[in-house]
Amino acid sequence: MTPEDISRLFVERANAGDAAGLAELYEPDAVLAYPPGSSTVGRDAIRAVCEEMLRRLPRFEVEEALPTIYHGDLALTSTKAKDGTGGRVQVVRRQPDGSWLRVIDRPEQRS
C-alpha cells in the first residue's frame, strides 16, 4: 500500500456505501475538515460524518493524484478535484505494518 492508494480506496468504499470502511482509512484520532467550515475528530465521529455524506452525495470518481511529498513516516498527498472545489489534501502516516492511514484530511478547498 502507498499513500496514494488511500484516495482510490476511499472512492471504492464510498461507492460501496461503506462508511465504516471509510473511517478505517483514518487513524483513531484523525481530523477531517468536513463538513466544510468545521472539523470532525476521531474515527467514530468520522464514520458518522461519512454515513451522512454517503446519504447526500452522488458517486465518487478517482481523481488525478498530484506528487506526494514524504518526510520520514509522514506523507502529504493531494488530488485535483473534478467537482471544482479546488484541491484535496491529506497528511498520512506510515503504520507499523507498513500501511498508511490519514491523520489530517481536507477534502475540499474552495479556490
C-alpha atoms as a PDB file:
ATOM      1  CA  MET A   1       0.000   0.000   0.000  1.00  0.00           C
ATOM      2  CA  THR A   2       1.199   3.504  -0.834  1.00  0.00           C
ATOM      3  CA  PRO A   3      -0.112   6.845   0.439  1.00  0.00           C
ATOM      4  CA  GLU A   4      -1.764   7.392  -2.939  1.00  0.00           C
ATOM      5  CA  ASP A   5      -3.763   4.158  -2.568  1.00  0.00           C
ATOM      6  CA  ILE A   6      -5.867   5.727   0.178  1.00  0.00           C
ATOM      7  CA  SER A   7      -7.656   8.026  -2.283  1.00  0.00           C
ATOM      8  CA  ARG A   8      -8.516   5.078  -4.529  1.00  0.00           C
ATOM      9  CA  LEU A   9      -9.702   3.029  -1.543  1.00  0.00           C
ATOM     10  CA  PHE A  10     -11.783   5.983  -0.370  1.00  0.00           C
ATOM     11  CA  VAL A  11     -13.587   6.131  -3.720  1.00  0.00           C
ATOM     12  CA  GLU A  12     -14.139   2.348  -3.799  1.00  0.00           C
ATOM     13  CA  ARG A  13     -15.531   2.258  -0.265  1.00  0.00           C
ATOM     14  CA  ALA A  14     -17.661   5.375  -0.738  1.00  0.00           C
ATOM     15  CA  ASN A  15     -19.210   3.966  -3.914  1.00  0.00           C
ATOM     16  CA  ALA A  16     -19.952   0.744  -1.992  1.00  0.00           C
ATOM     17  CA  GLY A  17     -21.715   2.784   0.704  1.00  0.00           C
ATOM     18  CA  ASP A  18     -19.207   1.572   3.321  1.00  0.00           C
ATOM     19  CA  ALA A  19     -18.946   4.368   5.923  1.00  0.00           C
ATOM     20  CA  ALA A  20     -17.207   2.072   8.418  1.00  0.00           C
ATOM     21  CA  GLY A  21     -14.642   1.152   5.751  1.00  0.00           C
ATOM     22  CA  LEU A  22     -14.058   4.842   5.029  1.00  0.00           C
ATOM     23  CA  ALA A  23     -13.442   5.524   8.723  1.00  0.00           C
ATOM     24  CA  GLU A  24     -10.865   2.708   8.822  1.00  0.00           C
ATOM     25  CA  LEU A  25      -8.722   4.763   6.418  1.00  0.00           C
ATOM     26  CA  TYR A  26      -8.117   7.226   9.293  1.00  0.00           C
ATOM     27  CA  GLU A  27      -6.046   6.980  12.451  1.00  0.00           C
ATOM     28  CA  PRO A  28      -8.170   6.709  15.630  1.00  0.00           C
ATOM     29  CA  ASP A  29      -7.651  10.412  16.494  1.00  0.00           C
ATOM     30  CA  ALA A  30      -7.540  11.817  12.945  1.00  0.00           C
ATOM     31  CA  VAL A  31      -9.000  15.196  11.987  1.00  0.00           C
ATOM     32  CA  LEU A  32     -11.323  15.574   8.999  1.00  0.00           C
ATOM     33  CA  ALA A  33     -12.144  19.115   7.812  1.00  0.00           C
ATOM     34  CA  TYR A  34     -15.702  18.167   6.859  1.00  0.00           C
ATOM     35  CA  PRO A  35     -18.447  19.296   6.704  1.00  0.00           C
ATOM     36  CA  PRO A  36     -17.000  22.456   5.157  1.00  0.00           C
ATOM     37  CA  GLY A  37     -16.073  25.009   7.785  1.00  0.00           C
ATOM     38  CA  SER A  38     -15.850  22.509  10.642  1.00  0.00           C
ATOM     39  CA  SER A  39     -13.580  19.783  11.991  1.00  0.00           C
ATOM     40  CA  THR A  40     -14.541  16.208  12.806  1.00  0.00           C
ATOM     41  CA  VAL A  41     -12.151  14.495  15.210  1.00  0.00           C
ATOM     42  CA  GLY A  42     -11.770  10.764  15.805  1.00  0.00           C
ATOM     43  CA  ARG A  43     -12.636   7.654  13.838  1.00  0.00           C
ATOM     44  CA  ASP A  44     -16.129   7.229  15.363  1.00  0.00           C
ATOM     45  CA  ALA A  45     -17.097  10.813  14.549  1.00  0.00           C
ATOM     46  CA  ILE A  46     -15.605  10.446  11.069  1.00  0.00           C
ATOM     47  CA  ARG A  47     -17.697   7.315  10.493  1.00  0.00           C
ATOM     48  CA  ALA A  48     -20.852   9.220  11.491  1.00  0.00           C
ATOM     49  CA  VAL A  49     -19.989  12.103   9.143  1.00  0.00           C
ATOM     50  CA  CYS A  50     -19.278   9.620   6.343  1.00  0.00           C
ATOM     51  CA  GLU A  51     -22.666   7.956   6.884  1.00  0.00           C
ATOM     52  CA  GLU A  52     -24.388  11.319   6.447  1.00  0.00           C
ATOM     53  CA  MET A  53     -22.174  12.253   3.481  1.00  0.00           C
ATOM     54  CA  LEU A  54     -22.975   8.993   1.679  1.00  0.00           C
ATOM     55  CA  ARG A  55     -26.708   9.698   2.027  1.00  0.00           C
ATOM     56  CA  ARG A  56     -26.353  13.071   0.277  1.00  0.00           C
ATOM     57  CA  LEU A  57     -23.542  12.845  -2.257  1.00  0.00           C
ATOM     58  CA  PRO A  58     -23.537  11.148  -5.639  1.00  0.00           C
ATOM     59  CA  ARG A  59     -20.975   8.604  -6.696  1.00  0.00           C
ATOM     60  CA  PHE A  60     -17.319   9.453  -6.312  1.00  0.00           C
ATOM     61  CA  GLU A  61     -14.662   9.336  -9.034  1.00  0.00           C
ATOM     62  CA  VAL A  62     -10.941   8.685  -8.764  1.00  0.00           C
ATOM     63  CA  GLU A  63      -9.157  11.991  -9.229  1.00  0.00           C
ATOM     64  CA  GLU A  64      -5.711  12.781 -10.596  1.00  0.00           C
ATOM     65  CA  ALA A  65      -3.072  12.418  -7.876  1.00  0.00           C
ATOM     66  CA  LEU A  66      -0.516  15.178  -7.526  1.00  0.00           C
ATOM     67  CA  PRO A  67       3.059  14.310  -6.487  1.00  0.00           C
ATOM     68  CA  THR A  68       3.320  13.005  -2.922  1.00  0.00           C
ATOM     69  CA  ILE A  69       5.754  14.705  -0.538  1.00  0.00           C
ATOM     70  CA  TYR A  70       7.444  12.455   2.039  1.00  0.00           C
ATOM     71  CA  HIS A  71       9.077  13.227   5.376  1.00  0.00           C
ATOM     72  CA  GLY A  72      10.001  10.021   7.177  1.00  0.00           C
ATOM     73  CA  ASP A  73       6.787   8.228   8.143  1.00  0.00           C
ATOM     74  CA  LEU A  74       4.618  11.185   7.094  1.00  0.00           C
ATOM     75  CA  ALA A  75       3.419  12.000   3.603  1.00  0.00           C
ATOM     76  CA  LEU A  76       1.374  14.809   2.087  1.00  0.00           C
ATOM     77  CA  THR A  77      -0.980  13.598  -0.623  1.00  0.00           C
ATOM     78  CA  SER A  78      -3.289  15.632  -2.815  1.00  0.00           C
ATOM     79  CA  THR A  79      -5.581  15.357  -5.805  1.00  0.00           C
ATOM     80  CA  LYS A  80      -7.105  17.754  -8.299  1.00  0.00           C
ATOM     81  CA  ALA A  81     -10.821  17.930  -7.540  1.00  0.00           C
ATOM     82  CA  LYS A  82     -13.070  17.181 -10.514  1.00  0.00           C
ATOM     83  CA  ASP A  83     -16.007  18.962  -8.865  1.00  0.00           C
ATOM     84  CA  GLY A  84     -14.440  22.430  -8.895  1.00  0.00           C
ATOM     85  CA  THR A  85     -13.829  22.624  -5.129  1.00  0.00           C
ATOM     86  CA  GLY A  86     -10.130  23.337  -5.583  1.00  0.00           C
ATOM     87  CA  GLY A  87      -7.665  20.791  -4.258  1.00  0.00           C
ATOM     88  CA  ARG A  88      -7.916  17.968  -1.751  1.00  0.00           C
ATOM     89  CA  VAL A  89      -5.014  17.381   0.634  1.00  0.00           C
ATOM     90  CA  GLN A  90      -4.241  14.777   3.270  1.00  0.00           C
ATOM     91  CA  VAL A  91      -1.455  14.067   5.723  1.00  0.00           C
ATOM     92  CA  VAL A  92      -0.942  10.326   6.089  1.00  0.00           C
ATOM     93  CA  ARG A  93       1.284   8.335   8.429  1.00  0.00           C
ATOM     94  CA  ARG A  94       3.012   5.007   7.846  1.00  0.00           C
ATOM     95  CA  GLN A  95       1.747   2.414  10.306  1.00  0.00           C
ATOM     96  CA  PRO A  96       3.922  -0.258  11.975  1.00  0.00           C
ATOM     97  CA  ASP A  97       2.662  -2.845   9.459  1.00  0.00           C
ATOM     98  CA  GLY A  98       3.729  -0.642   6.513  1.00  0.00           C
ATOM     99  CA  SER A  99       0.231   0.541   5.609  1.00  0.00           C
ATOM    100  CA  TRP A 100      -0.762   4.214   5.593  1.00  0.00           C
ATOM    101  CA  LEU A 101      -3.651   5.986   7.351  1.00  0.00           C
ATOM    102  CA  ARG A 102      -4.923   9.535   7.147  1.00  0.00           C
ATOM    103  CA  VAL A 103      -4.086  11.827  10.071  1.00  0.00           C
ATOM    104  CA  ILE A 104      -5.422  15.117   8.656  1.00  0.00           C
ATOM    105  CA  ASP A 105      -7.822  15.364   5.727  1.00  0.00           C
ATOM    106  CA  ARG A 106      -9.064  18.484   3.985  1.00  0.00           C
ATOM    107  CA  PRO A 107     -11.323  17.067   1.280  1.00  0.00           C
ATOM    108  CA  GLU A 108     -12.214  20.371  -0.318  1.00  0.00           C
ATOM    109  CA  GLN A 109     -10.963  23.894  -0.511  1.00  0.00           C
ATOM    110  CA  ARG A 110     -12.841  26.498  -2.459  1.00  0.00           C
ATOM    111  CA  SER A 111     -10.448  28.432  -4.622  1.00  0.00           C
END
